[in-house]
Amino acid sequence: MDWSGNDLTRFCSEVFAHDHAPDLFVSEARFGLFRLLPILSSFAGNDPKIVEIGAGSCILSAYLASKGLSVTAVEPLQSEFDYFSDMQATILEFSRQRGFDLRLIRATGENFHAPGQFDIAFTINALEHMPDPLATLDNMYDSLTPGGALLAHAPNYSIPFDSHFKIVLITRNKRINGWLYRSIVSRRPAIWDGLNFIRCVDVRRHLASRGTTFVFSRTTMADSVRRFSDDQFFDKRMPSWLRAAAALLRYARLASALELVPERWQSPMEVLIRKPTHSR
């Protein structure tokens, strides 16, 4: 099956045939597909049932459904993300007309319950917007069939930087940071209020307490450095000092050295969780 970023871009040009495709969101969908491809390949030929938690624009979910897969997109579309509404409507109508197996559920990750219904569950850059990200991970894991896979990719706030507001955090206290950066935060207060400063160490501790089988990626920082040169929309929305640092690492050919950084300091963080084929 032809899974590629270019194919996803082509798909978006069909969806938004009468309007300019939303470049930023197409870029994010391409990134999500890149992170998901190894898991999709591991299920090759099995037509896995998929659920995306925090589906946002639903571009990636619709693209996966266009490939003949059964996909459920979970997105509450709360007030801070209401700018997704028109885009979602266009995507859902296109999917309906084409007969894609795409279902949208208006629910938060904490309130999504579908035990044993999916082979793949994933969330890309959405956990940090959820009131209880660990409960969301529990629900995603419980939704898996035996042998299923869960992929969660999110910022790791052990590194004190927030990409939504492009600020260096001073401690993990939101009240202090909100006061220090009040002029910046005031531009998008709903986004700020909904953020949680999730950390790799918190996720690891929680997963270990559940006895799950998981592995954290050691390539996410190196991949992010490469993304600066591969994705102009990602590059443009990052602060200049971070773009300069990434360019220096690429110039010195040191990006791969970031894979030596311990997983607890990798940001973004990415964890792959597998559900046993047989119950213990």
Protein backbone atom coordinates (compact mmCIF):
# COMPACT_ATOMS: atom_id res chain seq x y z
CA MET A 1 0.00 0.00 0.00
CA ASP A 2 1.29 3.48 -0.88
CA TRP A 3 1.81 5.24 2.43
CA SER A 4 3.74 8.47 2.06
CA GLY A 5 3.72 12.13 2.92
CA ASN A 6 3.45 13.04 -0.75
CA ASP A 7 0.44 10.77 -1.14
CA LEU A 8 -1.18 12.41 1.88
CA THR A 9 -0.57 15.85 0.33
CA ARG A 10 -2.21 14.64 -2.88
CA PHE A 11 -5.17 13.40 -0.84
CA CYS A 12 -5.53 16.82 0.80
CA SER A 13 -5.50 18.54 -2.58
CA GLU A 14 -8.56 16.44 -3.45
CA VAL A 15 -10.32 17.17 -0.17
CA PHE A 16 -9.75 20.92 -0.44
CA ALA A 17 -10.09 21.10 -4.22
CA HIS A 18 -11.98 24.40 -4.12
CA ASP A 19 -9.86 25.99 -1.40
CA HIS A 20 -6.19 26.21 -0.60
CA ALA A 21 -5.20 23.20 1.48
CA PRO A 22 -4.36 24.28 5.07
CA ASP A 23 -0.58 23.93 4.86
CA LEU A 24 0.09 23.89 8.58
CA PHE A 25 -2.39 21.10 9.27
CA VAL A 26 -1.29 19.11 6.23
CA SER A 27 2.25 19.39 7.60
CA GLU A 28 1.13 18.07 10.98
CA ALA A 29 -0.77 15.20 9.36
CA ARG A 30 2.33 14.26 7.34
CA PHE A 31 4.36 14.27 10.54
CA GLY A 32 1.82 12.06 12.30
CA LEU A 33 1.87 9.63 9.40
CA PHE A 34 5.67 9.48 9.55
CA ARG A 35 5.53 8.54 13.24
CA LEU A 36 2.80 5.97 12.58
CA LEU A 37 4.26 4.25 9.50
CA PRO A 38 6.36 1.63 11.34
CA ILE A 39 3.29 0.43 13.23
CA LEU A 40 1.12 0.38 10.11
CA SER A 41 3.79 -1.67 8.37
CA SER A 42 3.80 -4.20 11.21
CA PHE A 43 0.10 -4.81 10.57
CA ALA A 44 0.51 -5.05 6.79
CA GLY A 45 -2.16 -7.23 5.21
CA ASN A 46 -4.30 -7.38 8.34
CA ASP A 47 -6.48 -4.26 7.80
CA PRO A 48 -6.19 -3.06 11.40
CA LYS A 49 -8.95 -1.11 13.09
CA ILE A 50 -7.57 2.25 14.18
CA VAL A 51 -8.50 4.95 16.66
CA GLU A 52 -6.92 8.39 16.84
CA ILE A 53 -7.32 10.26 20.12
CA GLY A 54 -7.21 14.04 19.80
CA ALA A 55 -7.74 13.86 16.04
CA GLY A 56 -7.84 17.64 15.59
CA SER A 57 -8.47 18.45 11.95
CA CYS A 58 -9.13 14.74 11.18
CA ILE A 59 -6.89 14.95 8.10
CA LEU A 60 -4.76 11.98 9.15
CA SER A 61 -7.74 9.88 10.21
CA ALA A 62 -9.49 10.56 6.89
CA TYR A 63 -6.34 9.72 4.95
CA LEU A 64 -6.03 6.38 6.72
CA ALA A 65 -9.71 5.68 6.04
CA SER A 66 -9.14 6.51 2.35
CA LYS A 67 -6.77 3.54 2.27
CA GLY A 68 -9.61 1.17 3.12
CA LEU A 69 -9.01 1.04 6.85
CA SER A 70 -11.68 1.29 9.54
CA VAL A 71 -10.85 4.46 11.48
CA THR A 72 -12.42 6.16 14.48
CA ALA A 73 -11.44 9.76 15.19
CA VAL A 74 -11.97 10.98 18.75
CA GLU A 75 -12.04 14.77 19.03
CA PRO A 76 -14.18 16.77 21.49
CA LEU A 77 -13.63 20.03 19.55
CA GLN A 78 -13.61 22.15 22.67
CA SER A 79 -13.77 25.94 22.52
CA GLU A 80 -10.01 26.47 22.28
CA PHE A 81 -9.93 24.37 19.11
CA ASP A 82 -13.11 25.57 17.40
CA TYR A 83 -11.00 26.72 14.44
CA PHE A 84 -11.02 23.04 13.41
CA SER A 85 -14.79 23.01 12.88
CA ASP A 86 -14.99 24.16 9.23
CA MET A 87 -12.02 22.01 8.25
CA GLN A 88 -13.52 18.97 9.93
CA ALA A 89 -16.85 19.54 8.22
CA THR A 90 -15.14 19.59 4.82
CA ILE A 91 -13.14 16.45 5.56
CA LEU A 92 -16.10 14.53 6.97
CA GLU A 93 -18.33 15.42 4.03
CA PHE A 94 -15.62 14.36 1.58
CA SER A 95 -15.21 11.07 3.47
CA ARG A 96 -18.97 10.49 3.46
CA GLN A 97 -19.22 11.09 -0.28
CA ARG A 98 -16.34 8.70 -0.96
CA GLY A 99 -17.72 6.04 1.37
CA PHE A 100 -14.71 5.92 3.69
CA ASP A 101 -15.04 3.93 6.90
CA LEU A 102 -14.48 6.96 9.14
CA ARG A 103 -16.37 7.58 12.36
CA LEU A 104 -16.08 10.70 14.50
CA ILE A 105 -16.74 10.59 18.24
CA ARG A 106 -17.11 13.80 20.23
CA ALA A 107 -15.42 12.76 23.46
CA THR A 108 -12.36 13.53 25.52
CA GLY A 109 -9.67 10.90 25.93
CA GLU A 110 -10.57 10.57 29.59
CA ASN A 111 -14.17 9.72 28.69
CA PHE A 112 -13.50 7.45 25.74
CA HIS A 113 -14.24 3.82 26.53
CA ALA A 114 -14.16 1.10 23.87
CA PRO A 115 -12.61 -2.03 25.42
CA GLY A 116 -10.94 -4.41 22.98
CA GLN A 117 -12.16 -2.73 19.79
CA PHE A 118 -8.99 -1.52 18.05
CA ASP A 119 -5.72 -2.92 16.79
CA ILE A 120 -3.94 0.45 16.76
CA ALA A 121 -4.54 3.44 19.02
CA PHE A 122 -2.50 6.59 18.61
CA THR A 123 -2.27 10.20 19.69
CA ILE A 124 0.06 12.80 18.21
CA ASN A 125 0.75 16.05 20.05
CA ALA A 126 -2.55 16.00 21.92
CA LEU A 127 -1.85 14.52 25.37
CA GLU A 128 -0.59 17.87 26.63
CA HIS A 129 -4.06 19.33 26.02
CA MET A 130 -5.89 16.73 28.11
CA PRO A 131 -6.89 17.24 31.76
CA ASP A 132 -5.83 13.69 32.63
CA PRO A 133 -3.36 12.34 30.06
CA LEU A 134 -2.56 9.23 32.08
CA ALA A 135 -6.23 8.22 32.23
CA THR A 136 -6.35 8.79 28.48
CA LEU A 137 -3.45 6.40 27.98
CA ASP A 138 -5.23 3.83 30.16
CA ASN A 139 -8.38 4.11 28.02
CA MET A 140 -6.37 3.81 24.83
CA TYR A 141 -4.60 0.71 26.13
CA ASP A 142 -7.87 -0.86 27.23
CA SER A 143 -9.32 -0.22 23.75
CA LEU A 144 -6.68 -2.47 22.15
CA THR A 145 -7.24 -6.00 20.98
CA PRO A 146 -4.68 -8.64 22.09
CA GLY A 147 -1.46 -7.93 20.19
CA GLY A 148 -2.51 -4.33 19.56
CA ALA A 149 -0.22 -1.31 19.58
CA LEU A 150 -0.48 2.13 21.14
CA LEU A 151 1.64 5.07 20.01
CA ALA A 152 1.71 8.29 22.03
CA HIS A 153 3.78 11.28 20.91
CA ALA A 154 3.79 14.49 22.94
CA PRO A 155 6.03 17.20 24.35
CA ASN A 156 8.14 16.19 27.32
CA TYR A 157 8.04 19.02 29.81
CA SER A 158 11.12 17.73 31.59
CA ILE A 159 12.64 20.04 28.99
CA PRO A 160 11.27 23.43 30.10
CA PHE A 161 10.08 24.70 26.73
CA ASP A 162 6.55 25.08 25.40
CA SER A 163 6.22 25.17 21.62
CA HIS A 164 2.62 26.45 21.66
CA PHE A 165 3.70 29.78 23.12
CA LYS A 166 7.42 29.53 22.26
CA ILE A 167 8.46 30.18 25.84
CA VAL A 168 11.09 28.78 28.19
CA LEU A 169 9.27 27.68 31.32
CA ILE A 170 10.41 28.81 34.76
CA THR A 171 9.60 25.83 36.99
CA ARG A 172 6.54 23.64 36.23
CA ASN A 173 4.19 25.99 38.06
CA LYS A 174 1.58 27.26 35.60
CA ARG A 175 0.59 30.21 37.76
CA ILE A 176 4.15 31.52 37.89
CA ASN A 177 4.69 31.02 34.17
CA GLY A 178 1.30 32.48 33.37
CA TRP A 179 2.24 35.65 35.28
CA LEU A 180 5.74 35.91 33.80
CA TYR A 181 4.45 35.46 30.25
CA ARG A 182 1.06 37.09 30.76
CA SER A 183 1.28 39.23 27.62
CA ILE A 184 1.94 36.14 25.50
CA VAL A 185 -0.51 33.85 27.28
CA SER A 186 -3.30 36.42 27.05
CA ARG A 187 -3.39 36.00 23.26
CA ARG A 188 -4.65 32.42 23.61
CA PRO A 189 -5.81 31.98 27.18
CA ALA A 190 -7.97 28.91 26.50
CA ILE A 191 -5.00 27.03 25.05
CA TRP A 192 -2.87 27.96 28.06
CA ASP A 193 -5.54 26.97 30.55
CA GLY A 194 -5.89 23.55 28.89
CA LEU A 195 -2.19 22.71 28.88
CA ASN A 196 -0.71 20.17 31.26
CA PHE A 197 3.06 19.89 31.65
CA ILE A 198 3.28 16.14 31.07
CA ARG A 199 6.70 14.52 31.53
CA CYS A 200 8.34 11.31 30.36
CA VAL A 201 9.08 10.31 33.94
CA ASP A 202 5.38 10.55 34.85
CA VAL A 203 4.32 8.44 31.87
CA ARG A 204 7.03 5.85 32.51
CA ARG A 205 6.14 5.52 36.18
CA HIS A 206 2.44 5.13 35.36
CA LEU A 207 2.97 2.52 32.64
CA ALA A 208 5.34 0.54 34.84
CA SER A 209 2.76 0.51 37.63
CA ARG A 210 0.27 -1.06 35.20
CA GLY A 211 2.71 -3.75 34.15
CA THR A 212 2.53 -2.81 30.47
CA THR A 213 5.16 -3.57 27.84
CA PHE A 214 6.52 -0.29 26.48
CA VAL A 215 9.54 1.36 24.93
CA PHE A 216 10.38 5.04 24.60
CA SER A 217 11.97 6.34 21.41
CA ARG A 218 15.52 7.68 21.52
CA THR A 219 15.29 9.34 18.08
CA THR A 220 12.69 12.05 18.62
CA MET A 221 15.11 14.94 19.24
CA ALA A 222 17.28 13.96 16.27
CA ASP A 223 14.19 13.64 14.09
CA SER A 224 13.03 17.08 15.22
CA VAL A 225 16.34 18.63 14.21
CA ARG A 226 15.99 17.05 10.78
CA ARG A 227 12.40 18.23 10.56
CA PHE A 228 13.56 21.85 10.62
CA SER A 229 15.10 21.36 7.18
CA ASP A 230 12.43 19.01 5.83
CA ASP A 231 9.29 20.90 6.93
CA GLN A 232 9.19 24.63 6.21
CA PHE A 233 5.96 25.11 8.16
CA PHE A 234 7.46 23.53 11.26
CA ASP A 235 10.59 25.63 10.84
CA LYS A 236 8.66 28.89 10.49
CA ARG A 237 6.66 28.50 13.67
CA MET A 238 9.63 27.77 15.92
CA PRO A 239 11.59 30.59 17.63
CA SER A 240 14.69 31.86 15.86
CA TRP A 241 17.09 30.67 18.58
CA LEU A 242 15.80 27.11 18.23
CA ARG A 243 16.04 27.23 14.43
CA ALA A 244 19.63 28.44 14.76
CA ALA A 245 20.51 25.65 17.20
CA ALA A 246 19.02 23.03 14.88
CA ALA A 247 20.88 24.47 11.89
CA LEU A 248 24.15 24.35 13.84
CA LEU A 249 23.60 20.71 14.79
CA ARG A 250 22.87 19.81 11.19
CA TYR A 251 25.88 21.75 9.92
CA ALA A 252 28.16 20.01 12.44
CA ARG A 253 26.52 16.67 11.61
CA LEU A 254 25.70 16.15 15.25
CA ALA A 255 21.95 15.51 14.94
CA SER A 256 22.43 11.75 15.28
CA ALA A 257 24.34 12.30 18.52
CA LEU A 258 21.05 13.37 20.11
CA GLU A 259 20.05 9.70 20.06
CA LEU A 260 22.49 9.29 22.96
CA VAL A 261 20.34 11.57 25.12
CA PRO A 262 18.50 9.48 27.75
CA GLU A 263 14.83 8.95 26.98
CA ARG A 264 13.69 10.94 30.01
CA TRP A 265 15.29 14.04 28.43
CA GLN A 266 14.09 13.42 24.89
CA SER A 267 11.58 16.04 23.83
CA PRO A 268 9.23 15.40 22.25
CA MET A 269 8.72 12.03 23.89
CA GLU A 270 7.27 9.05 22.12
CA VAL A 271 6.23 5.75 23.65
CA LEU A 272 5.14 2.55 21.93
CA ILE A 273 3.03 0.22 24.07
CA ARG A 274 2.16 -3.32 23.07
CA LYS A 275 -0.71 -5.36 24.46
CA PRO A 276 0.13 -9.03 25.00
CA THR A 277 -1.31 -11.48 22.49
CA HIS A 278 -2.47 -13.69 25.35
CA SER A 279 -3.59 -12.71 28.82
CA ARG A 280 -1.12 -13.51 31.56
